[in-house]
Protein backbone atom coordinates (compact mmCIF):
# COMPACT_ATOMS: atom_id res chain seq x y z
CA UNK A 1 -18.96 -9.08 -2.14
CA UNK A 2 -22.22 -7.80 -0.67
CA UNK A 3 -21.37 -8.92 2.86
CA UNK A 4 -17.90 -7.39 2.68
CA UNK A 5 -19.31 -4.11 1.36
CA UNK A 6 -21.84 -4.00 4.19
CA UNK A 7 -19.10 -4.62 6.74
CA UNK A 8 -16.95 -1.83 5.28
CA UNK A 9 -19.87 0.62 5.38
CA UNK A 10 -20.83 -0.44 8.91
CA UNK A 11 -17.30 0.13 10.18
CA UNK A 12 -17.14 3.51 8.44
CA UNK A 13 -20.50 4.76 9.74
CA UNK A 14 -20.92 2.90 13.06
CA UNK A 15 -24.60 2.58 12.19
CA UNK A 16 -26.16 -0.56 10.72
CA UNK A 17 -29.10 1.20 9.04
CA UNK A 18 -26.93 3.85 7.41
CA UNK A 19 -24.49 1.16 6.26
CA UNK A 20 -27.29 -0.84 4.66
CA UNK A 21 -28.62 2.28 2.92
CA UNK A 22 -25.15 3.10 1.58
CA UNK A 23 -24.61 -0.40 0.19
CA UNK A 24 -28.06 -0.51 -1.40
CA UNK A 25 -27.52 2.91 -2.95
CA UNK A 26 -24.13 1.84 -4.32
CA UNK A 27 -25.63 -1.31 -5.84
CA UNK A 28 -28.43 0.67 -7.49
CA UNK A 29 -25.95 3.16 -8.92
CA UNK A 30 -23.85 0.33 -10.32
CA UNK A 31 -26.83 -1.31 -12.02
CA UNK A 32 -28.28 1.92 -13.38
CA UNK A 33 -25.07 3.39 -14.74
CA UNK A 34 -22.79 0.48 -15.55
CA UNK A 35 -24.95 -2.54 -16.44
CA UNK A 36 -23.71 -2.33 -20.03
CA UNK A 37 -20.06 -2.77 -18.95
CA UNK A 38 -18.36 -6.19 -18.94
CA UNK A 39 -18.84 -8.22 -15.78
CA UNK A 40 -15.11 -8.14 -14.96
CA UNK A 41 -15.32 -4.38 -14.40
CA UNK A 42 -18.22 -4.53 -11.93
CA UNK A 43 -16.12 -5.35 -8.86
CA UNK A 44 -13.74 -2.39 -9.08
CA UNK A 45 -16.57 -0.08 -10.16
CA UNK A 46 -18.70 -1.14 -7.20
CA UNK A 47 -15.83 -0.61 -4.77
CA UNK A 48 -15.24 2.90 -6.10
CA UNK A 49 -18.95 3.74 -5.93
CA UNK A 50 -19.09 2.36 -2.38
CA UNK A 51 -16.09 4.40 -1.24
CA UNK A 52 -17.54 7.55 -2.78
CA UNK A 53 -20.89 6.89 -1.09
CA UNK A 54 -19.19 6.49 2.28
CA UNK A 55 -17.28 9.76 1.77
CA UNK A 56 -20.52 11.52 0.79
CA UNK A 57 -22.17 10.19 3.97
CA UNK A 58 -19.32 11.59 6.08
CA UNK A 59 -19.57 14.99 4.36
CA UNK A 60 -23.33 15.16 4.93
CA UNK A 61 -22.85 14.12 8.56
CA UNK A 62 -20.36 16.92 9.11
CA UNK A 63 -22.78 19.49 7.72
CA UNK A 64 -25.66 18.13 9.83
CA UNK A 65 -23.53 18.12 12.96
CA UNK A 66 -22.40 21.68 12.32
CA UNK A 67 -25.99 22.90 12.39
CA UNK A 68 -26.87 20.94 15.53
CA UNK A 69 -24.23 22.57 17.69
């Protein structure tokens, strides 16, 4: 799952370092917030956290790019 998540983030960001940061952040959020949940729920939870992290990255990028112009 880790490799697939990295690939998804890399495609979404077009930047390997940002993709790695997003995946690591998503994994940390999963462990910190949902470690008490059953293991069967981890996959869907991680995917949702990853998608939200990617959307947050895009929002922050838009704001940064707005100020650079």
